[in-house]
Amino acid sequence: MATISAPDFVSAWKDAHQATVAQSADEKARFLLDTVGPRIASAALGMADARQLKHWASDAASEPREHAVQLRLDALFWITRSVATVYSPAVAARFLRSSNPQLGDEAPLVALRSVENETDVNRVLTATRAFLEG
């Protein structure tokens, strides 16, 4: 695995954040389905299956109704996009599934599925930045 310089990590993080703010729910859902797959994405969003995620991906007018689910979708997209950019989609999937010491040895996807507010999101984003910074 190649070493990433600080500007590359910073650029990937900022680009992922801008995309999170600018892109619609259907674009985020399609990216997640294509990058980490329906099982990981739906698990991180706290869904029993990927039907709703696939619905968002296919219908531009559809988006999460619950604030907590929207927070999870945005956070998952930001995290996945930044890790996939710096490393690869496969590493992004492994990162989401792997135990993380900054999250009390919980996997990021487990931490994400219980996100209810911005403080919860920040905890997972901080662990992601620490991973990216090496």
C-alpha atoms as a PDB file:
ATOM      1  CA  MET A   1       0.000   0.000   0.000  1.00  0.00           C
ATOM      2  CA  ALA A   2       1.376   3.388  -0.968  1.00  0.00           C
ATOM      3  CA  THR A   3       1.892   6.096   1.610  1.00  0.00           C
ATOM      4  CA  ILE A   4      -0.397   9.079   1.129  1.00  0.00           C
ATOM      5  CA  SER A   5       0.978  12.550   1.737  1.00  0.00           C
ATOM      6  CA  ALA A   6      -0.884  14.919   4.057  1.00  0.00           C
ATOM      7  CA  PRO A   7      -2.202  17.163   1.262  1.00  0.00           C
ATOM      8  CA  ASP A   8      -3.686  14.129  -0.521  1.00  0.00           C
ATOM      9  CA  PHE A   9      -5.504  13.038   2.637  1.00  0.00           C
ATOM     10  CA  VAL A  10      -6.692  16.589   3.326  1.00  0.00           C
ATOM     11  CA  SER A  11      -7.859  17.030  -0.249  1.00  0.00           C
ATOM     12  CA  ALA A  12      -9.740  13.709  -0.240  1.00  0.00           C
ATOM     13  CA  TRP A  13     -11.391  14.572   3.096  1.00  0.00           C
ATOM     14  CA  LYS A  14     -12.476  18.037   1.897  1.00  0.00           C
ATOM     15  CA  ASP A  15     -13.684  16.735  -1.475  1.00  0.00           C
ATOM     16  CA  ALA A  16     -15.724  14.021   0.246  1.00  0.00           C
ATOM     17  CA  HIS A  17     -17.263  16.610   2.575  1.00  0.00           C
ATOM     18  CA  GLN A  18     -18.186  18.914  -0.327  1.00  0.00           C
ATOM     19  CA  ALA A  19     -19.760  15.992  -2.188  1.00  0.00           C
ATOM     20  CA  THR A  20     -21.710  15.063   0.950  1.00  0.00           C
ATOM     21  CA  VAL A  21     -23.225  18.539   1.077  1.00  0.00           C
ATOM     22  CA  ALA A  22     -23.772  18.912  -2.679  1.00  0.00           C
ATOM     23  CA  GLN A  23     -25.031  15.503  -3.776  1.00  0.00           C
ATOM     24  CA  SER A  24     -28.581  14.259  -3.488  1.00  0.00           C
ATOM     25  CA  ALA A  25     -29.724  11.181  -1.577  1.00  0.00           C
ATOM     26  CA  ASP A  26     -30.086   9.157  -4.798  1.00  0.00           C
ATOM     27  CA  GLU A  27     -26.485   9.931  -5.822  1.00  0.00           C
ATOM     28  CA  LYS A  28     -25.201   9.003  -2.356  1.00  0.00           C
ATOM     29  CA  ALA A  29     -27.222   5.785  -2.307  1.00  0.00           C
ATOM     30  CA  ARG A  30     -25.948   4.730  -5.756  1.00  0.00           C
ATOM     31  CA  PHE A  31     -22.354   5.470  -4.745  1.00  0.00           C
ATOM     32  CA  LEU A  32     -22.684   3.408  -1.557  1.00  0.00           C
ATOM     33  CA  LEU A  33     -24.323   0.490  -3.340  1.00  0.00           C
ATOM     34  CA  ASP A  34     -21.584   0.517  -5.983  1.00  0.00           C
ATOM     35  CA  THR A  35     -18.690   1.059  -3.565  1.00  0.00           C
ATOM     36  CA  VAL A  36     -19.366  -1.026  -0.448  1.00  0.00           C
ATOM     37  CA  GLY A  37     -22.427  -2.992  -1.525  1.00  0.00           C
ATOM     38  CA  PRO A  38     -25.964  -3.315  -0.198  1.00  0.00           C
ATOM     39  CA  ARG A  39     -25.203  -5.418   2.899  1.00  0.00           C
ATOM     40  CA  ILE A  40     -22.576  -3.105   4.395  1.00  0.00           C
ATOM     41  CA  ALA A  41     -24.428   0.070   3.434  1.00  0.00           C
ATOM     42  CA  SER A  42     -27.788  -1.055   4.813  1.00  0.00           C
ATOM     43  CA  ALA A  43     -26.186  -2.382   8.014  1.00  0.00           C
ATOM     44  CA  ALA A  44     -24.402   0.931   8.622  1.00  0.00           C
ATOM     45  CA  LEU A  45     -27.656   2.813   8.019  1.00  0.00           C
ATOM     46  CA  GLY A  46     -29.471   0.658  10.590  1.00  0.00           C
ATOM     47  CA  MET A  47     -31.739  -1.007   8.032  1.00  0.00           C
ATOM     48  CA  ALA A  48     -32.830  -4.641   8.039  1.00  0.00           C
ATOM     49  CA  ASP A  49     -32.206  -4.880   4.290  1.00  0.00           C
ATOM     50  CA  ALA A  50     -31.265  -2.726   1.302  1.00  0.00           C
ATOM     51  CA  ARG A  51     -34.730  -2.231  -0.206  1.00  0.00           C
ATOM     52  CA  GLN A  52     -35.065   1.371   0.989  1.00  0.00           C
ATOM     53  CA  LEU A  53     -31.500   2.217  -0.020  1.00  0.00           C
ATOM     54  CA  LYS A  54     -32.141   0.792  -3.499  1.00  0.00           C
ATOM     55  CA  HIS A  55     -35.361   2.817  -3.680  1.00  0.00           C
ATOM     56  CA  TRP A  56     -33.455   6.021  -2.887  1.00  0.00           C
ATOM     57  CA  ALA A  57     -30.879   5.104  -5.553  1.00  0.00           C
ATOM     58  CA  SER A  58     -33.541   4.669  -8.225  1.00  0.00           C
ATOM     59  CA  ASP A  59     -35.826   7.592  -7.371  1.00  0.00           C
ATOM     60  CA  ALA A  60     -34.330  11.096  -7.382  1.00  0.00           C
ATOM     61  CA  ALA A  61     -37.379  12.462  -5.561  1.00  0.00           C
ATOM     62  CA  SER A  62     -36.981  10.012  -2.683  1.00  0.00           C
ATOM     63  CA  GLU A  63     -34.821  10.586   0.388  1.00  0.00           C
ATOM     64  CA  PRO A  64     -34.682   9.607   4.068  1.00  0.00           C
ATOM     65  CA  ARG A  65     -37.567  10.989   6.127  1.00  0.00           C
ATOM     66  CA  GLU A  66     -35.944  10.599   9.529  1.00  0.00           C
ATOM     67  CA  HIS A  67     -33.241  13.053  10.560  1.00  0.00           C
ATOM     68  CA  ALA A  68     -31.095  10.306  12.125  1.00  0.00           C
ATOM     69  CA  VAL A  69     -31.180   8.238   8.929  1.00  0.00           C
ATOM     70  CA  GLN A  70     -30.178  11.297   6.882  1.00  0.00           C
ATOM     71  CA  LEU A  71     -27.269  11.864   9.292  1.00  0.00           C
ATOM     72  CA  ARG A  72     -26.191   8.239   8.864  1.00  0.00           C
ATOM     73  CA  LEU A  73     -26.460   8.413   5.075  1.00  0.00           C
ATOM     74  CA  ASP A  74     -24.365  11.590   4.939  1.00  0.00           C
ATOM     75  CA  ALA A  75     -21.754  10.242   7.363  1.00  0.00           C
ATOM     76  CA  LEU A  76     -21.514   6.879   5.607  1.00  0.00           C
ATOM     77  CA  PHE A  77     -21.120   8.590   2.240  1.00  0.00           C
ATOM     78  CA  TRP A  78     -18.422  10.979   3.567  1.00  0.00           C
ATOM     79  CA  ILE A  79     -16.500   8.173   5.259  1.00  0.00           C
ATOM     80  CA  THR A  80     -16.767   5.764   2.335  1.00  0.00           C
ATOM     81  CA  ARG A  81     -15.869   8.345  -0.280  1.00  0.00           C
ATOM     82  CA  SER A  82     -12.805   9.604   1.612  1.00  0.00           C
ATOM     83  CA  VAL A  83     -11.422   6.131   2.441  1.00  0.00           C
ATOM     84  CA  ALA A  84     -12.139   4.831  -1.078  1.00  0.00           C
ATOM     85  CA  THR A  85     -10.373   7.866  -2.571  1.00  0.00           C
ATOM     86  CA  VAL A  86      -7.276   7.582  -0.393  1.00  0.00           C
ATOM     87  CA  TYR A  87      -7.054   3.777  -0.529  1.00  0.00           C
ATOM     88  CA  SER A  88      -9.689   1.833  -2.498  1.00  0.00           C
ATOM     89  CA  PRO A  89     -13.330   0.717  -2.300  1.00  0.00           C
ATOM     90  CA  ALA A  90     -12.175  -2.633  -0.870  1.00  0.00           C
ATOM     91  CA  VAL A  91     -10.313  -0.868   1.948  1.00  0.00           C
ATOM     92  CA  ALA A  92     -13.383   1.305   2.610  1.00  0.00           C
ATOM     93  CA  ALA A  93     -15.500  -1.832   3.037  1.00  0.00           C
ATOM     94  CA  ARG A  94     -12.909  -3.445   5.332  1.00  0.00           C
ATOM     95  CA  PHE A  95     -12.583  -0.242   7.362  1.00  0.00           C
ATOM     96  CA  LEU A  96     -16.343  -0.138   7.933  1.00  0.00           C
ATOM     97  CA  ARG A  97     -16.415  -3.804   9.058  1.00  0.00           C
ATOM     98  CA  SER A  98     -13.257  -3.824  11.190  1.00  0.00           C
ATOM     99  CA  SER A  99     -12.957  -3.227  14.898  1.00  0.00           C
ATOM    100  CA  ASN A 100     -11.680   0.289  15.614  1.00  0.00           C
ATOM    101  CA  PRO A 101      -9.820   1.203  18.828  1.00  0.00           C
ATOM    102  CA  GLN A 102     -11.101   4.794  18.688  1.00  0.00           C
ATOM    103  CA  LEU A 103     -14.645   3.465  18.799  1.00  0.00           C
ATOM    104  CA  GLY A 104     -14.087   1.192  21.785  1.00  0.00           C
ATOM    105  CA  ASP A 105     -13.193  -1.666  19.405  1.00  0.00           C
ATOM    106  CA  GLU A 106     -16.562  -1.350  17.719  1.00  0.00           C
ATOM    107  CA  ALA A 107     -16.693  -1.459  13.909  1.00  0.00           C
ATOM    108  CA  PRO A 108     -17.565   1.879  12.274  1.00  0.00           C
ATOM    109  CA  LEU A 109     -20.665   0.369  10.663  1.00  0.00           C
ATOM    110  CA  VAL A 110     -21.908  -0.714  14.107  1.00  0.00           C
ATOM    111  CA  ALA A 111     -21.222   2.767  15.500  1.00  0.00           C
ATOM    112  CA  LEU A 112     -22.953   4.398  12.525  1.00  0.00           C
ATOM    113  CA  ARG A 113     -26.152   2.393  12.782  1.00  0.00           C
ATOM    114  CA  SER A 114     -26.782   3.810  16.252  1.00  0.00           C
ATOM    115  CA  VAL A 115     -26.083   7.441  15.274  1.00  0.00           C
ATOM    116  CA  GLU A 116     -28.888   9.726  16.433  1.00  0.00           C
ATOM    117  CA  ASN A 117     -27.239  13.163  16.449  1.00  0.00           C
ATOM    118  CA  GLU A 118     -24.239  15.210  15.313  1.00  0.00           C
ATOM    119  CA  THR A 119     -22.175  14.247  18.372  1.00  0.00           C
ATOM    120  CA  ASP A 120     -22.522  10.564  17.463  1.00  0.00           C
ATOM    121  CA  VAL A 121     -21.514  11.362  13.867  1.00  0.00           C
ATOM    122  CA  ASN A 122     -18.455  13.318  14.997  1.00  0.00           C
ATOM    123  CA  ARG A 123     -17.205  10.325  16.969  1.00  0.00           C
ATOM    124  CA  VAL A 124     -17.172   8.147  13.837  1.00  0.00           C
ATOM    125  CA  LEU A 125     -15.775  10.909  11.630  1.00  0.00           C
ATOM    126  CA  THR A 126     -12.919  11.444  14.113  1.00  0.00           C
ATOM    127  CA  ALA A 127     -12.078   7.731  14.011  1.00  0.00           C
ATOM    128  CA  THR A 128     -12.082   7.869  10.201  1.00  0.00           C
ATOM    129  CA  ARG A 129      -9.745  10.860  10.113  1.00  0.00           C
ATOM    130  CA  ALA A 130      -7.389   9.080  12.502  1.00  0.00           C
ATOM    131  CA  PHE A 131      -7.355   6.061  10.183  1.00  0.00           C
ATOM    132  CA  LEU A 132      -6.666   8.223   7.137  1.00  0.00           C
ATOM    133  CA  GLU A 133      -3.915  10.175   8.883  1.00  0.00           C
ATOM    134  CA  GLY A 134      -2.209   6.891   9.728  1.00  0.00           C
END
